[in-house]
Amino acid sequence: MCCAPGQERKFLGFRLNCKLQIGIAPESIKRFKAKVRELWQNCQSATSNELRDRWQSFIRGWWGYFQLAEDRQSIYRLEGWIRRHIRKYFWWRWHDKKGRERKLRSLGIKGRLLQVAAASRGAWRIAAARCMQSALTNAVLRTTGFFMPSDLAAMNR
């Protein structure tokens, strides 16, 4: 247990951890998560390129500010959650069974994995399914411009 006096305090979105490393304050993480949810809502009528550009603008600006943090684990742990939101959005975008099956085929999904197109489960649960992770892999998301903070950190080295 750490009893650092500054651990409960934040300053400009940062805080110090027990090892006196600069970390991202929990309140900043909450605001980040709220913005991710807002950016990936299904009620938008933007093209994929517009969504990508909005995401890049947001994540580059956010990372440009918080790249000073030495303790980055709190944001790196959220990357899977962010990707799941992106996959969920695209699942909604493919509309119905026919559209989903067509898009999954075009992304290289074959055989039994295509059965998920007819699934009646919610988009959030489907976004975690193996077929969605195979169709929209981390590499595919990265090459199409949907960067994560760890990608931006690797670019800045």
C-alpha atoms as a PDB file:
ATOM      1  CA  MET A   1       0.000   0.000   0.000  1.00  0.00           C
ATOM      2  CA  CYS A   2       1.322   3.355  -0.971  1.00  0.00           C
ATOM      3  CA  CYS A   3       0.802   6.443   1.132  1.00  0.00           C
ATOM      4  CA  ALA A   4       2.181   9.105  -1.170  1.00  0.00           C
ATOM      5  CA  PRO A   5       0.502  12.430  -0.376  1.00  0.00           C
ATOM      6  CA  GLY A   6       0.215  13.422  -4.039  1.00  0.00           C
ATOM      7  CA  GLN A   7      -1.260  10.137  -5.206  1.00  0.00           C
ATOM      8  CA  GLU A   8      -4.855  11.230  -4.702  1.00  0.00           C
ATOM      9  CA  ARG A   9      -4.286  14.581  -6.411  1.00  0.00           C
ATOM     10  CA  LYS A  10      -4.198  15.315 -10.075  1.00  0.00           C
ATOM     11  CA  PHE A  11      -2.578  18.178 -11.878  1.00  0.00           C
ATOM     12  CA  LEU A  12      -3.490  18.937 -15.508  1.00  0.00           C
ATOM     13  CA  GLY A  13      -4.723  15.373 -15.982  1.00  0.00           C
ATOM     14  CA  PHE A  14      -1.625  13.730 -14.513  1.00  0.00           C
ATOM     15  CA  ARG A  15      -0.771  12.273 -11.138  1.00  0.00           C
ATOM     16  CA  LEU A  16       2.215  10.632  -9.441  1.00  0.00           C
ATOM     17  CA  ASN A  17       2.187   6.938  -8.608  1.00  0.00           C
ATOM     18  CA  CYS A  18       3.925   5.179  -5.700  1.00  0.00           C
ATOM     19  CA  LYS A  19       7.223   5.061  -7.609  1.00  0.00           C
ATOM     20  CA  LEU A  20       6.914   8.803  -8.243  1.00  0.00           C
ATOM     21  CA  GLN A  21       6.347   8.245 -11.940  1.00  0.00           C
ATOM     22  CA  ILE A  22       4.036  10.525 -13.866  1.00  0.00           C
ATOM     23  CA  GLY A  23       0.812   8.697 -14.683  1.00  0.00           C
ATOM     24  CA  ILE A  24      -2.560   9.531 -16.159  1.00  0.00           C
ATOM     25  CA  ALA A  25      -5.191  10.517 -13.603  1.00  0.00           C
ATOM     26  CA  PRO A  26      -8.271   8.271 -13.324  1.00  0.00           C
ATOM     27  CA  GLU A  27     -10.538  11.221 -14.111  1.00  0.00           C
ATOM     28  CA  SER A  28      -8.690  11.707 -17.404  1.00  0.00           C
ATOM     29  CA  ILE A  29      -9.152   8.029 -18.229  1.00  0.00           C
ATOM     30  CA  LYS A  30     -12.901   8.369 -17.545  1.00  0.00           C
ATOM     31  CA  ARG A  31     -13.134  11.355 -19.899  1.00  0.00           C
ATOM     32  CA  PHE A  32     -11.134   9.428 -22.512  1.00  0.00           C
ATOM     33  CA  LYS A  33     -13.515   6.455 -22.280  1.00  0.00           C
ATOM     34  CA  ALA A  34     -16.550   8.740 -22.599  1.00  0.00           C
ATOM     35  CA  LYS A  35     -15.081  10.317 -25.731  1.00  0.00           C
ATOM     36  CA  VAL A  36     -14.352   6.873 -27.241  1.00  0.00           C
ATOM     37  CA  ARG A  37     -17.971   5.867 -26.627  1.00  0.00           C
ATOM     38  CA  GLU A  38     -19.148   9.100 -28.230  1.00  0.00           C
ATOM     39  CA  LEU A  39     -16.907   8.695 -31.291  1.00  0.00           C
ATOM     40  CA  TRP A  40     -18.045   5.118 -31.896  1.00  0.00           C
ATOM     41  CA  GLN A  41     -21.820   5.521 -31.477  1.00  0.00           C
ATOM     42  CA  ASN A  42     -23.865   3.901 -34.206  1.00  0.00           C
ATOM     43  CA  CYS A  43     -26.116   6.899 -34.815  1.00  0.00           C
ATOM     44  CA  GLN A  44     -23.557   8.709 -36.975  1.00  0.00           C
ATOM     45  CA  SER A  45     -23.888   9.158 -40.701  1.00  0.00           C
ATOM     46  CA  ALA A  46     -20.202   9.567 -41.464  1.00  0.00           C
ATOM     47  CA  THR A  47     -18.177   7.626 -43.996  1.00  0.00           C
ATOM     48  CA  SER A  48     -15.441   5.274 -42.857  1.00  0.00           C
ATOM     49  CA  ASN A  49     -12.820   7.793 -43.984  1.00  0.00           C
ATOM     50  CA  GLU A  50     -14.484  10.563 -41.972  1.00  0.00           C
ATOM     51  CA  LEU A  51     -14.606   8.310 -38.911  1.00  0.00           C
ATOM     52  CA  ARG A  52     -10.963   7.389 -39.369  1.00  0.00           C
ATOM     53  CA  ASP A  53     -10.004  11.062 -39.674  1.00  0.00           C
ATOM     54  CA  ARG A  54     -11.993  11.996 -36.542  1.00  0.00           C
ATOM     55  CA  TRP A  55     -10.414   9.123 -34.635  1.00  0.00           C
ATOM     56  CA  GLN A  56      -6.912  10.038 -35.772  1.00  0.00           C
ATOM     57  CA  SER A  57      -7.449  13.676 -34.872  1.00  0.00           C
ATOM     58  CA  PHE A  58      -8.709  12.761 -31.403  1.00  0.00           C
ATOM     59  CA  ILE A  59      -6.160  10.055 -30.564  1.00  0.00           C
ATOM     60  CA  ARG A  60      -3.170  12.009 -31.911  1.00  0.00           C
ATOM     61  CA  GLY A  61      -4.179  15.091 -29.923  1.00  0.00           C
ATOM     62  CA  TRP A  62      -4.856  13.090 -26.795  1.00  0.00           C
ATOM     63  CA  TRP A  63      -1.606  11.164 -27.111  1.00  0.00           C
ATOM     64  CA  GLY A  64       0.311  14.356 -27.926  1.00  0.00           C
ATOM     65  CA  TYR A  65      -0.688  15.636 -24.508  1.00  0.00           C
ATOM     66  CA  PHE A  66      -0.422  12.444 -22.449  1.00  0.00           C
ATOM     67  CA  GLN A  67       2.740  11.024 -24.001  1.00  0.00           C
ATOM     68  CA  LEU A  68       4.605  12.701 -21.135  1.00  0.00           C
ATOM     69  CA  ALA A  69       3.255  10.015 -18.814  1.00  0.00           C
ATOM     70  CA  GLU A  70       5.864   7.500 -17.702  1.00  0.00           C
ATOM     71  CA  ASP A  71       3.298   5.044 -16.331  1.00  0.00           C
ATOM     72  CA  ARG A  72       1.239   4.239 -19.435  1.00  0.00           C
ATOM     73  CA  GLN A  73      -0.252   0.918 -18.373  1.00  0.00           C
ATOM     74  CA  SER A  74      -3.666   2.393 -17.586  1.00  0.00           C
ATOM     75  CA  ILE A  75      -4.153   3.460 -21.209  1.00  0.00           C
ATOM     76  CA  TYR A  76      -2.469   0.433 -22.793  1.00  0.00           C
ATOM     77  CA  ARG A  77      -4.898  -1.815 -20.900  1.00  0.00           C
ATOM     78  CA  LEU A  78      -7.787  -0.026 -22.633  1.00  0.00           C
ATOM     79  CA  GLU A  79      -6.631  -0.758 -26.183  1.00  0.00           C
ATOM     80  CA  GLY A  80      -8.578  -4.012 -26.465  1.00  0.00           C
ATOM     81  CA  TRP A  81     -11.672  -2.205 -25.222  1.00  0.00           C
ATOM     82  CA  ILE A  82     -11.181   0.539 -27.834  1.00  0.00           C
ATOM     83  CA  ARG A  83     -10.750  -1.982 -30.644  1.00  0.00           C
ATOM     84  CA  ARG A  84     -13.917  -3.733 -29.512  1.00  0.00           C
ATOM     85  CA  HIS A  85     -15.822  -0.450 -29.833  1.00  0.00           C
ATOM     86  CA  ILE A  86     -14.466  -0.019 -33.357  1.00  0.00           C
ATOM     87  CA  ARG A  87     -15.425  -3.572 -34.317  1.00  0.00           C
ATOM     88  CA  LYS A  88     -18.877  -3.072 -32.777  1.00  0.00           C
ATOM     89  CA  TYR A  89     -19.383   0.031 -34.880  1.00  0.00           C
ATOM     90  CA  PHE A  90     -18.503  -1.769 -38.085  1.00  0.00           C
ATOM     91  CA  TRP A  91     -20.823  -4.659 -37.161  1.00  0.00           C
ATOM     92  CA  TRP A  92     -23.673  -2.149 -36.897  1.00  0.00           C
ATOM     93  CA  ARG A  93     -22.600  -0.587 -40.180  1.00  0.00           C
ATOM     94  CA  TRP A  94     -23.004  -3.864 -42.048  1.00  0.00           C
ATOM     95  CA  HIS A  95     -26.756  -3.693 -41.174  1.00  0.00           C
ATOM     96  CA  ASP A  96     -28.231  -7.171 -41.688  1.00  0.00           C
ATOM     97  CA  LYS A  97     -27.355 -10.825 -42.155  1.00  0.00           C
ATOM     98  CA  LYS A  98     -26.761 -10.487 -45.887  1.00  0.00           C
ATOM     99  CA  GLY A  99     -24.539  -7.416 -45.576  1.00  0.00           C
ATOM    100  CA  ARG A 100     -22.597  -8.850 -42.659  1.00  0.00           C
ATOM    101  CA  GLU A 101     -21.990 -12.137 -44.417  1.00  0.00           C
ATOM    102  CA  ARG A 102     -20.867 -10.351 -47.593  1.00  0.00           C
ATOM    103  CA  LYS A 103     -18.469  -8.108 -45.674  1.00  0.00           C
ATOM    104  CA  LEU A 104     -17.061 -10.966 -43.580  1.00  0.00           C
ATOM    105  CA  ARG A 105     -16.424 -12.949 -46.783  1.00  0.00           C
ATOM    106  CA  SER A 106     -14.631  -9.975 -48.326  1.00  0.00           C
ATOM    107  CA  LEU A 107     -12.450  -9.788 -45.217  1.00  0.00           C
ATOM    108  CA  GLY A 108     -11.427 -13.426 -45.621  1.00  0.00           C
ATOM    109  CA  ILE A 109     -13.749 -15.199 -43.194  1.00  0.00           C
ATOM    110  CA  LYS A 110     -14.845 -18.672 -44.351  1.00  0.00           C
ATOM    111  CA  GLY A 111     -16.770 -21.701 -43.191  1.00  0.00           C
ATOM    112  CA  ARG A 112     -18.443 -21.930 -39.819  1.00  0.00           C
ATOM    113  CA  LEU A 113     -17.242 -18.514 -38.733  1.00  0.00           C
ATOM    114  CA  LEU A 114     -19.715 -16.975 -41.187  1.00  0.00           C
ATOM    115  CA  GLN A 115     -22.596 -18.248 -39.062  1.00  0.00           C
ATOM    116  CA  VAL A 116     -22.099 -15.284 -36.775  1.00  0.00           C
ATOM    117  CA  ALA A 117     -23.721 -13.098 -39.473  1.00  0.00           C
ATOM    118  CA  ALA A 118     -27.088 -14.574 -38.441  1.00  0.00           C
ATOM    119  CA  ALA A 119     -26.459 -14.193 -34.713  1.00  0.00           C
ATOM    120  CA  SER A 120     -29.078 -12.402 -32.668  1.00  0.00           C
ATOM    121  CA  ARG A 121     -26.670 -11.388 -29.924  1.00  0.00           C
ATOM    122  CA  GLY A 122     -25.844  -7.772 -29.372  1.00  0.00           C
ATOM    123  CA  ALA A 123     -23.152  -5.944 -31.286  1.00  0.00           C
ATOM    124  CA  TRP A 124     -20.949  -5.585 -28.187  1.00  0.00           C
ATOM    125  CA  ARG A 125     -20.831  -9.357 -27.700  1.00  0.00           C
ATOM    126  CA  ILE A 126     -20.313 -10.031 -31.406  1.00  0.00           C
ATOM    127  CA  ALA A 127     -17.430  -7.537 -31.485  1.00  0.00           C
ATOM    128  CA  ALA A 128     -15.542  -9.867 -29.136  1.00  0.00           C
ATOM    129  CA  ALA A 129     -16.253 -12.938 -31.291  1.00  0.00           C
ATOM    130  CA  ARG A 130     -13.392 -14.751 -32.980  1.00  0.00           C
ATOM    131  CA  CYS A 131     -14.705 -14.041 -36.476  1.00  0.00           C
ATOM    132  CA  MET A 132     -14.715 -10.274 -35.891  1.00  0.00           C
ATOM    133  CA  GLN A 133     -11.232 -10.396 -34.434  1.00  0.00           C
ATOM    134  CA  SER A 134     -10.103 -12.438 -37.447  1.00  0.00           C
ATOM    135  CA  ALA A 135     -11.797 -10.103 -39.921  1.00  0.00           C
ATOM    136  CA  LEU A 136     -10.750  -6.826 -38.320  1.00  0.00           C
ATOM    137  CA  THR A 137      -7.416  -7.819 -36.805  1.00  0.00           C
ATOM    138  CA  ASN A 138      -5.239  -5.351 -34.953  1.00  0.00           C
ATOM    139  CA  ALA A 139      -2.978  -5.197 -38.020  1.00  0.00           C
ATOM    140  CA  VAL A 140      -5.925  -4.429 -40.334  1.00  0.00           C
ATOM    141  CA  LEU A 141      -7.125  -1.666 -38.020  1.00  0.00           C
ATOM    142  CA  ARG A 142      -3.604  -0.250 -37.815  1.00  0.00           C
ATOM    143  CA  THR A 143      -3.049  -0.280 -41.603  1.00  0.00           C
ATOM    144  CA  THR A 144      -6.406   1.386 -42.234  1.00  0.00           C
ATOM    145  CA  GLY A 145      -5.518   4.219 -39.864  1.00  0.00           C
ATOM    146  CA  PHE A 146      -7.289   3.258 -36.633  1.00  0.00           C
ATOM    147  CA  PHE A 147      -4.248   3.790 -34.410  1.00  0.00           C
ATOM    148  CA  MET A 148      -3.949   2.997 -30.719  1.00  0.00           C
ATOM    149  CA  PRO A 149      -1.788   4.848 -28.175  1.00  0.00           C
ATOM    150  CA  SER A 150       0.853   2.094 -28.296  1.00  0.00           C
ATOM    151  CA  ASP A 151       1.087   2.543 -32.086  1.00  0.00           C
ATOM    152  CA  LEU A 152       1.643   6.275 -31.642  1.00  0.00           C
ATOM    153  CA  ALA A 153       4.221   5.632 -28.926  1.00  0.00           C
ATOM    154  CA  ALA A 154       6.110   3.289 -31.272  1.00  0.00           C
ATOM    155  CA  MET A 155       6.026   5.935 -34.057  1.00  0.00           C
ATOM    156  CA  ASN A 156       7.551   8.566 -31.763  1.00  0.00           C
ATOM    157  CA  ARG A 157      10.576   6.497 -30.770  1.00  0.00           C
END
